[in-house]
Amino acid sequence: MNTQGTSDAVICIVFPVTLSRDIRTWYGSLKKQSISSFPELSKEFRNSFAASRRRHIHMVHLNFIKQNDFETTRDYMKRFNEAARQA
């Protein structure tokens, strides 16, 4: 969203529309006038969502994923593909 030249009042009105449903629900649950600055909003956001964020792994990690002795090829490929999606 390009906000250059847009007034703060308009940005504040449009901002919630740019959020995903879960984040918009969180944003809507904030008590009125409980946040006084953007850094404070950022901190509250990180506290609420950082722990639930999926961590990405490095591509090198994929080299170390091996099939376990009693793991079917299908289960191994499922586990490998899941790791590859996170890389």
PDB file of N, CA and C in Angstrom:
ATOM      1  N   MET A   1       0.852  -1.178   0.000  1.00  0.00           N
ATOM      2  CA  MET A   1       0.000   0.000   0.000  1.00  0.00           C
ATOM      3  C   MET A   1       0.892   1.233   0.000  1.00  0.00           C
ATOM      4  N   ASN A   2       0.752   2.090  -0.978  1.00  0.00           N
ATOM      5  CA  ASN A   2       1.524   3.321  -1.069  1.00  0.00           C
ATOM      6  C   ASN A   2       0.777   4.423  -0.331  1.00  0.00           C
ATOM      7  N   THR A   3       1.391   4.933   0.729  1.00  0.00           N
ATOM      8  CA  THR A   3       0.731   5.953   1.548  1.00  0.00           C
ATOM      9  C   THR A   3       1.390   7.314   1.419  1.00  0.00           C
ATOM     10  N   GLN A   4       2.336   7.422   0.514  1.00  0.00           N
ATOM     11  CA  GLN A   4       3.041   8.687   0.346  1.00  0.00           C
ATOM     12  C   GLN A   4       2.056   9.794  -0.016  1.00  0.00           C
ATOM     13  N   GLY A   5       2.078  10.862   0.757  1.00  0.00           N
ATOM     14  CA  GLY A   5       1.206  11.995   0.500  1.00  0.00           C
ATOM     15  C   GLY A   5      -0.196  11.836   1.066  1.00  0.00           C
ATOM     16  N   THR A   6      -0.447  10.731   1.748  1.00  0.00           N
ATOM     17  CA  THR A   6      -1.765  10.488   2.336  1.00  0.00           C
ATOM     18  C   THR A   6      -1.752  10.954   3.788  1.00  0.00           C
ATOM     19  N   SER A   7      -2.828  11.579   4.210  1.00  0.00           N
ATOM     20  CA  SER A   7      -2.877  12.090   5.584  1.00  0.00           C
ATOM     21  C   SER A   7      -2.936  10.941   6.582  1.00  0.00           C
ATOM     22  N   ASP A   8      -2.443  11.185   7.799  1.00  0.00           N
ATOM     23  CA  ASP A   8      -2.477  10.175   8.854  1.00  0.00           C
ATOM     24  C   ASP A   8      -3.905   9.742   9.163  1.00  0.00           C
ATOM     25  N   ALA A   9      -4.845  10.671   9.095  1.00  0.00           N
ATOM     26  CA  ALA A   9      -6.244  10.344   9.387  1.00  0.00           C
ATOM     27  C   ALA A   9      -6.778   9.308   8.403  1.00  0.00           C
ATOM     28  N   VAL A  10      -6.459   9.478   7.125  1.00  0.00           N
ATOM     29  CA  VAL A  10      -6.914   8.526   6.105  1.00  0.00           C
ATOM     30  C   VAL A  10      -6.216   7.183   6.296  1.00  0.00           C
ATOM     31  N   ILE A  11      -4.934   7.201   6.578  1.00  0.00           N
ATOM     32  CA  ILE A  11      -4.189   5.961   6.799  1.00  0.00           C
ATOM     33  C   ILE A  11      -4.800   5.182   7.961  1.00  0.00           C
ATOM     34  N   CYS A  12      -5.149   5.872   9.030  1.00  0.00           N
ATOM     35  CA  CYS A  12      -5.744   5.209  10.195  1.00  0.00           C
ATOM     36  C   CYS A  12      -7.077   4.558   9.861  1.00  0.00           C
ATOM     37  N   ILE A  13      -7.821   5.160   8.968  1.00  0.00           N
ATOM     38  CA  ILE A  13      -9.119   4.601   8.576  1.00  0.00           C
ATOM     39  C   ILE A  13      -8.934   3.399   7.652  1.00  0.00           C
ATOM     40  N   VAL A  14      -7.983   3.488   6.732  1.00  0.00           N
ATOM     41  CA  VAL A  14      -7.778   2.441   5.737  1.00  0.00           C
ATOM     42  C   VAL A  14      -6.963   1.269   6.290  1.00  0.00           C
ATOM     43  N   PHE A  15      -6.126   1.511   7.275  1.00  0.00           N
ATOM     44  CA  PHE A  15      -5.205   0.502   7.795  1.00  0.00           C
ATOM     45  C   PHE A  15      -5.867  -0.839   8.113  1.00  0.00           C
ATOM     46  N   PRO A  16      -6.962  -0.893   8.859  1.00  0.00           N
ATOM     47  CA  PRO A  16      -7.548  -2.195   9.201  1.00  0.00           C
ATOM     48  C   PRO A  16      -7.968  -3.018   7.982  1.00  0.00           C
ATOM     49  N   VAL A  17      -8.320  -2.380   6.906  1.00  0.00           N
ATOM     50  CA  VAL A  17      -8.751  -3.088   5.699  1.00  0.00           C
ATOM     51  C   VAL A  17      -7.591  -3.864   5.080  1.00  0.00           C
ATOM     52  N   THR A  18      -6.363  -3.436   5.331  1.00  0.00           N
ATOM     53  CA  THR A  18      -5.190  -4.085   4.744  1.00  0.00           C
ATOM     54  C   THR A  18      -4.763  -5.335   5.506  1.00  0.00           C
ATOM     55  N   LEU A  19      -5.385  -5.614   6.637  1.00  0.00           N
ATOM     56  CA  LEU A  19      -4.972  -6.725   7.493  1.00  0.00           C
ATOM     57  C   LEU A  19      -5.703  -8.017   7.138  1.00  0.00           C
ATOM     58  N   SER A  20      -5.050  -9.139   7.429  1.00  0.00           N
ATOM     59  CA  SER A  20      -5.721 -10.430   7.252  1.00  0.00           C
ATOM     60  C   SER A  20      -6.805 -10.569   8.320  1.00  0.00           C
ATOM     61  N   ARG A  21      -7.677 -11.539   8.153  1.00  0.00           N
ATOM     62  CA  ARG A  21      -8.821 -11.697   9.052  1.00  0.00           C
ATOM     63  C   ARG A  21      -8.396 -11.875  10.513  1.00  0.00           C
ATOM     64  N   ASP A  22      -7.431 -12.774  10.779  1.00  0.00           N
ATOM     65  CA  ASP A  22      -7.006 -13.017  12.159  1.00  0.00           C
ATOM     66  C   ASP A  22      -6.401 -11.775  12.792  1.00  0.00           C
ATOM     67  N   ILE A  23      -5.581 -11.074  12.033  1.00  0.00           N
ATOM     68  CA  ILE A  23      -4.937  -9.875  12.571  1.00  0.00           C
ATOM     69  C   ILE A  23      -5.951  -8.757  12.723  1.00  0.00           C
ATOM     70  N   ARG A  24      -6.898  -8.667  11.812  1.00  0.00           N
ATOM     71  CA  ARG A  24      -7.948  -7.656  11.928  1.00  0.00           C
ATOM     72  C   ARG A  24      -8.796  -7.906  13.184  1.00  0.00           C
ATOM     73  N   THR A  25      -9.055  -9.174  13.492  1.00  0.00           N
ATOM     74  CA  THR A  25      -9.794  -9.517  14.709  1.00  0.00           C
ATOM     75  C   THR A  25      -9.006  -9.085  15.938  1.00  0.00           C
ATOM     76  N   TRP A  26      -7.696  -9.376  15.947  1.00  0.00           N
ATOM     77  CA  TRP A  26      -6.845  -8.951  17.059  1.00  0.00           C
ATOM     78  C   TRP A  26      -6.848  -7.432  17.171  1.00  0.00           C
ATOM     79  N   TYR A  27      -6.664  -6.763  16.057  1.00  0.00           N
ATOM     80  CA  TYR A  27      -6.615  -5.296  16.040  1.00  0.00           C
ATOM     81  C   TYR A  27      -7.927  -4.712  16.565  1.00  0.00           C
ATOM     82  N   GLY A  28      -9.039  -5.306  16.167  1.00  0.00           N
ATOM     83  CA  GLY A  28     -10.344  -4.836  16.616  1.00  0.00           C
ATOM     84  C   GLY A  28     -10.596  -5.085  18.095  1.00  0.00           C
ATOM     85  N   SER A  29      -9.852  -6.032  18.676  1.00  0.00           N
ATOM     86  CA  SER A  29     -10.047  -6.341  20.095  1.00  0.00           C
ATOM     87  C   SER A  29      -9.252  -5.416  21.020  1.00  0.00           C
ATOM     88  N   LEU A  30      -8.367  -4.605  20.447  1.00  0.00           N
ATOM     89  CA  LEU A  30      -7.596  -3.673  21.278  1.00  0.00           C
ATOM     90  C   LEU A  30      -8.536  -2.635  21.890  1.00  0.00           C
ATOM     91  N   LYS A  31      -8.300  -2.323  23.158  1.00  0.00           N
ATOM     92  CA  LYS A  31      -9.125  -1.304  23.813  1.00  0.00           C
ATOM     93  C   LYS A  31      -8.836   0.055  23.190  1.00  0.00           C
ATOM     94  N   LYS A  32      -9.872   0.842  23.034  1.00  0.00           N
ATOM     95  CA  LYS A  32      -9.703   2.179  22.455  1.00  0.00           C
ATOM     96  C   LYS A  32      -8.714   2.979  23.294  1.00  0.00           C
ATOM     97  N   GLN A  33      -7.853   3.672  22.610  1.00  0.00           N
ATOM     98  CA  GLN A  33      -6.828   4.540  23.188  1.00  0.00           C
ATOM     99  C   GLN A  33      -5.841   3.784  24.079  1.00  0.00           C
ATOM    100  N   SER A  34      -5.716   2.470  23.882  1.00  0.00           N
ATOM    101  CA  SER A  34      -4.743   1.696  24.658  1.00  0.00           C
ATOM    102  C   SER A  34      -3.360   1.733  24.016  1.00  0.00           C
ATOM    103  N   ILE A  35      -3.293   2.118  22.756  1.00  0.00           N
ATOM    104  CA  ILE A  35      -2.032   2.212  22.022  1.00  0.00           C
ATOM    105  C   ILE A  35      -1.820   3.670  21.659  1.00  0.00           C
ATOM    106  N   SER A  36      -0.652   4.192  22.038  1.00  0.00           N
ATOM    107  CA  SER A  36      -0.421   5.620  21.792  1.00  0.00           C
ATOM    108  C   SER A  36       0.623   5.893  20.721  1.00  0.00           C
ATOM    109  N   SER A  37       1.272   4.831  20.200  1.00  0.00           N
ATOM    110  CA  SER A  37       2.294   5.054  19.178  1.00  0.00           C
ATOM    111  C   SER A  37       2.443   3.805  18.312  1.00  0.00           C
ATOM    112  N   PHE A  38       3.046   3.994  17.148  1.00  0.00           N
ATOM    113  CA  PHE A  38       3.270   2.851  16.272  1.00  0.00           C
ATOM    114  C   PHE A  38       4.249   1.855  16.888  1.00  0.00           C
ATOM    115  N   PRO A  39       5.344   2.320  17.538  1.00  0.00           N
ATOM    116  CA  PRO A  39       6.234   1.348  18.194  1.00  0.00           C
ATOM    117  C   PRO A  39       5.503   0.502  19.247  1.00  0.00           C
ATOM    118  N   GLU A  40       4.575   1.108  19.959  1.00  0.00           N
ATOM    119  CA  GLU A  40       3.803   0.360  20.947  1.00  0.00           C
ATOM    120  C   GLU A  40       2.901  -0.668  20.256  1.00  0.00           C
ATOM    121  N   LEU A  41       2.272  -0.272  19.156  1.00  0.00           N
ATOM    122  CA  LEU A  41       1.441  -1.196  18.381  1.00  0.00           C
ATOM    123  C   LEU A  41       2.294  -2.352  17.858  1.00  0.00           C
ATOM    124  N   SER A  42       3.482  -2.038  17.371  1.00  0.00           N
ATOM    125  CA  SER A  42       4.393  -3.067  16.856  1.00  0.00           C
ATOM    126  C   SER A  42       4.759  -4.071  17.943  1.00  0.00           C
ATOM    127  N   LYS A  43       5.055  -3.569  19.125  1.00  0.00           N
ATOM    128  CA  LYS A  43       5.428  -4.438  20.245  1.00  0.00           C
ATOM    129  C   LYS A  43       4.271  -5.363  20.616  1.00  0.00           C
ATOM    130  N   GLU A  44       3.074  -4.824  20.714  1.00  0.00           N
ATOM    131  CA  GLU A  44       1.901  -5.636  21.046  1.00  0.00           C
ATOM    132  C   GLU A  44       1.645  -6.686  19.967  1.00  0.00           C
ATOM    133  N   PHE A  45       1.826  -6.291  18.717  1.00  0.00           N
ATOM    134  CA  PHE A  45       1.645  -7.230  17.610  1.00  0.00           C
ATOM    135  C   PHE A  45       2.646  -8.377  17.708  1.00  0.00           C
ATOM    136  N   ARG A  46       3.914  -8.044  17.910  1.00  0.00           N
ATOM    137  CA  ARG A  46       4.943  -9.084  18.027  1.00  0.00           C
ATOM    138  C   ARG A  46       4.654 -10.009  19.201  1.00  0.00           C
ATOM    139  N   ASN A  47       4.243  -9.441  20.329  1.00  0.00           N
ATOM    140  CA  ASN A  47       3.933 -10.261  21.503  1.00  0.00           C
ATOM    141  C   ASN A  47       2.781 -11.223  21.224  1.00  0.00           C
ATOM    142  N   SER A  48       1.844 -10.800  20.415  1.00  0.00           N
ATOM    143  CA  SER A  48       0.672 -11.631  20.133  1.00  0.00           C
ATOM    144  C   SER A  48       0.909 -12.665  19.037  1.00  0.00           C
ATOM    145  N   PHE A  49       1.749 -12.345  18.051  1.00  0.00           N
ATOM    146  CA  PHE A  49       1.849 -13.214  16.883  1.00  0.00           C
ATOM    147  C   PHE A  49       3.211 -13.845  16.642  1.00  0.00           C
ATOM    148  N   ALA A  50       4.271 -13.340  17.224  1.00  0.00           N
ATOM    149  CA  ALA A  50       5.600 -13.876  16.921  1.00  0.00           C
ATOM    150  C   ALA A  50       5.738 -15.332  17.340  1.00  0.00           C
ATOM    151  N   ALA A  51       5.170 -15.707  18.463  1.00  0.00           N
ATOM    152  CA  ALA A  51       5.303 -17.082  18.944  1.00  0.00           C
ATOM    153  C   ALA A  51       4.581 -18.072  18.040  1.00  0.00           C
ATOM    154  N   SER A  52       3.520 -17.642  17.388  1.00  0.00           N
ATOM    155  CA  SER A  52       2.759 -18.556  16.538  1.00  0.00           C
ATOM    156  C   SER A  52       3.269 -18.593  15.104  1.00  0.00           C
ATOM    157  N   ARG A  53       4.252 -17.752  14.814  1.00  0.00           N
ATOM    158  CA  ARG A  53       4.789 -17.695  13.456  1.00  0.00           C
ATOM    159  C   ARG A  53       5.600 -18.950  13.155  1.00  0.00           C
ATOM    160  N   ARG A  54       5.398 -19.501  11.999  1.00  0.00           N
ATOM    161  CA  ARG A  54       6.146 -20.675  11.582  1.00  0.00           C
ATOM    162  C   ARG A  54       7.585 -20.268  11.285  1.00  0.00           C
ATOM    163  N   ARG A  55       8.510 -20.996  11.849  1.00  0.00           N
ATOM    164  CA  ARG A  55       9.931 -20.719  11.643  1.00  0.00           C
ATOM    165  C   ARG A  55      10.388 -21.336  10.328  1.00  0.00           C
ATOM    166  N   HIS A  56      11.208 -20.614   9.612  1.00  0.00           N
ATOM    167  CA  HIS A  56      11.759 -21.134   8.365  1.00  0.00           C
ATOM    168  C   HIS A  56      13.102 -21.787   8.655  1.00  0.00           C
ATOM    169  N   ILE A  57      13.383 -22.855   7.936  1.00  0.00           N
ATOM    170  CA  ILE A  57      14.659 -23.534   8.095  1.00  0.00           C
ATOM    171  C   ILE A  57      15.542 -23.201   6.903  1.00  0.00           C
ATOM    172  N   HIS A  58      16.821 -23.400   7.066  1.00  0.00           N
ATOM    173  CA  HIS A  58      17.777 -23.129   5.997  1.00  0.00           C
ATOM    174  C   HIS A  58      17.797 -24.324   5.041  1.00  0.00           C
ATOM    175  N   MET A  59      18.011 -24.054   3.765  1.00  0.00           N
ATOM    176  CA  MET A  59      18.025 -25.106   2.740  1.00  0.00           C
ATOM    177  C   MET A  59      19.040 -26.201   3.060  1.00  0.00           C
ATOM    178  N   VAL A  60      20.149 -25.846   3.705  1.00  0.00           N
ATOM    179  CA  VAL A  60      21.185 -26.832   4.033  1.00  0.00           C
ATOM    180  C   VAL A  60      20.611 -27.929   4.925  1.00  0.00           C
ATOM    181  N   HIS A  61      19.631 -27.574   5.752  1.00  0.00           N
ATOM    182  CA  HIS A  61      19.008 -28.553   6.649  1.00  0.00           C
ATOM    183  C   HIS A  61      18.428 -29.734   5.869  1.00  0.00           C
ATOM    184  N   LEU A  62      17.974 -29.495   4.663  1.00  0.00           N
ATOM    185  CA  LEU A  62      17.372 -30.564   3.858  1.00  0.00           C
ATOM    186  C   LEU A  62      18.365 -31.688   3.563  1.00  0.00           C
ATOM    187  N   ASN A  63      19.656 -31.354   3.499  1.00  0.00           N
ATOM    188  CA  ASN A  63      20.682 -32.371   3.242  1.00  0.00           C
ATOM    189  C   ASN A  63      20.785 -33.386   4.373  1.00  0.00           C
ATOM    190  N   PHE A  64      20.348 -33.011   5.559  1.00  0.00           N
ATOM    191  CA  PHE A  64      20.493 -33.872   6.725  1.00  0.00           C
ATOM    192  C   PHE A  64      19.226 -34.664   7.050  1.00  0.00           C
ATOM    193  N   ILE A  65      18.206 -34.506   6.260  1.00  0.00           N
ATOM    194  CA  ILE A  65      16.972 -35.259   6.488  1.00  0.00           C
ATOM    195  C   ILE A  65      17.132 -36.623   5.829  1.00  0.00           C
ATOM    196  N   LYS A  66      17.124 -37.649   6.648  1.00  0.00           N
ATOM    197  CA  LYS A  66      17.302 -39.023   6.167  1.00  0.00           C
ATOM    198  C   LYS A  66      16.083 -39.853   6.536  1.00  0.00           C
ATOM    199  N   GLN A  67      15.862 -40.894   5.772  1.00  0.00           N
ATOM    200  CA  GLN A  67      14.751 -41.792   6.061  1.00  0.00           C
ATOM    201  C   GLN A  67      15.108 -42.643   7.276  1.00  0.00           C
ATOM    202  N   ASN A  68      14.210 -42.687   8.242  1.00  0.00           N
ATOM    203  CA  ASN A  68      14.418 -43.500   9.439  1.00  0.00           C
ATOM    204  C   ASN A  68      14.248 -44.977   9.104  1.00  0.00           C
ATOM    205  N   ASP A  69      14.829 -45.852   9.919  1.00  0.00           N
ATOM    206  CA  ASP A  69      14.824 -47.292   9.648  1.00  0.00           C
ATOM    207  C   ASP A  69      13.430 -47.860   9.419  1.00  0.00           C
ATOM    208  N   PHE A  70      12.475 -47.487  10.237  1.00  0.00           N
ATOM    209  CA  PHE A  70      11.140 -48.076  10.131  1.00  0.00           C
ATOM    210  C   PHE A  70      10.122 -47.114   9.528  1.00  0.00           C
ATOM    211  N   GLU A  71      10.614 -46.127   8.803  1.00  0.00           N
ATOM    212  CA  GLU A  71       9.749 -45.125   8.180  1.00  0.00           C
ATOM    213  C   GLU A  71       9.475 -45.526   6.734  1.00  0.00           C
ATOM    214  N   THR A  72       8.223 -45.487   6.337  1.00  0.00           N
ATOM    215  CA  THR A  72       7.899 -45.808   4.944  1.00  0.00           C
ATOM    216  C   THR A  72       8.419 -44.688   4.042  1.00  0.00           C
ATOM    217  N   THR A  73       8.615 -45.030   2.791  1.00  0.00           N
ATOM    218  CA  THR A  73       9.070 -44.023   1.830  1.00  0.00           C
ATOM    219  C   THR A  73       8.058 -42.891   1.735  1.00  0.00           C
ATOM    220  N   ARG A  74       6.787 -43.230   1.782  1.00  0.00           N
ATOM    221  CA  ARG A  74       5.730 -42.217   1.716  1.00  0.00           C
ATOM    222  C   ARG A  74       5.828 -41.253   2.908  1.00  0.00           C
ATOM    223  N   ASP A  75       6.004 -41.793   4.122  1.00  0.00           N
ATOM    224  CA  ASP A  75       6.114 -40.938   5.308  1.00  0.00           C
ATOM    225  C   ASP A  75       7.379 -40.073   5.250  1.00  0.00           C
ATOM    226  N   TYR A  76       8.470 -40.686   4.764  1.00  0.00           N
ATOM    227  CA  TYR A  76       9.714 -39.925   4.618  1.00  0.00           C
ATOM    228  C   TYR A  76       9.527 -38.764   3.641  1.00  0.00           C
ATOM    229  N   MET A  77       8.918 -39.032   2.499  1.00  0.00           N
ATOM    230  CA  MET A  77       8.712 -37.975   1.500  1.00  0.00           C
ATOM    231  C   MET A  77       7.782 -36.889   2.036  1.00  0.00           C
ATOM    232  N   LYS A  78       6.782 -37.288   2.795  1.00  0.00           N
ATOM    233  CA  LYS A  78       5.878 -36.310   3.398  1.00  0.00           C
ATOM    234  C   LYS A  78       6.645 -35.401   4.359  1.00  0.00           C
ATOM    235  N   ARG A  79       7.497 -35.998   5.195  1.00  0.00           N
ATOM    236  CA  ARG A  79       8.303 -35.223   6.151  1.00  0.00           C
ATOM    237  C   ARG A  79       9.307 -34.330   5.417  1.00  0.00           C
ATOM    238  N   PHE A  80       9.942 -34.869   4.388  1.00  0.00           N
ATOM    239  CA  PHE A  80      10.910 -34.086   3.617  1.00  0.00           C
ATOM    240  C   PHE A  80      10.228 -32.910   2.914  1.00  0.00           C
ATOM    241  N   ASN A  81       9.097 -33.168   2.278  1.00  0.00           N
ATOM    242  CA  ASN A  81       8.384 -32.098   1.566  1.00  0.00           C
ATOM    243  C   ASN A  81       7.909 -31.005   2.514  1.00  0.00           C
ATOM    244  N   GLU A  82       7.479 -31.386   3.716  1.00  0.00           N
ATOM    245  CA  GLU A  82       7.070 -30.387   4.703  1.00  0.00           C
ATOM    246  C   GLU A  82       8.265 -29.505   5.085  1.00  0.00           C
ATOM    247  N   ALA A  83       9.421 -30.120   5.289  1.00  0.00           N
ATOM    248  CA  ALA A  83      10.627 -29.350   5.607  1.00  0.00           C
ATOM    249  C   ALA A  83      11.016 -28.456   4.432  1.00  0.00           C
ATOM    250  N   ALA A  84      10.887 -28.961   3.218  1.00  0.00           N
ATOM    251  CA  ALA A  84      11.234 -28.171   2.030  1.00  0.00           C
ATOM    252  C   ALA A  84      10.322 -26.955   1.896  1.00  0.00           C
ATOM    253  N   ARG A  85       9.055 -27.102   2.255  1.00  0.00           N
ATOM    254  CA  ARG A  85       8.133 -25.955   2.199  1.00  0.00           C
ATOM    255  C   ARG A  85       8.521 -24.878   3.207  1.00  0.00           C
ATOM    256  N   GLN A  86       9.133 -25.269   4.300  1.00  0.00           N
ATOM    257  CA  GLN A  86       9.537 -24.305   5.326  1.00  0.00           C
ATOM    258  C   GLN A  86      10.878 -23.655   5.015  1.00  0.00           C
ATOM    259  N   ALA A  87      11.604 -24.209   4.051  1.00  0.00           N
ATOM    260  CA  ALA A  87      12.933 -23.665   3.721  1.00  0.00           C
ATOM    261  C   ALA A  87      12.815 -22.462   2.811  1.00  0.00           C
TER     262      ALA A  87
END
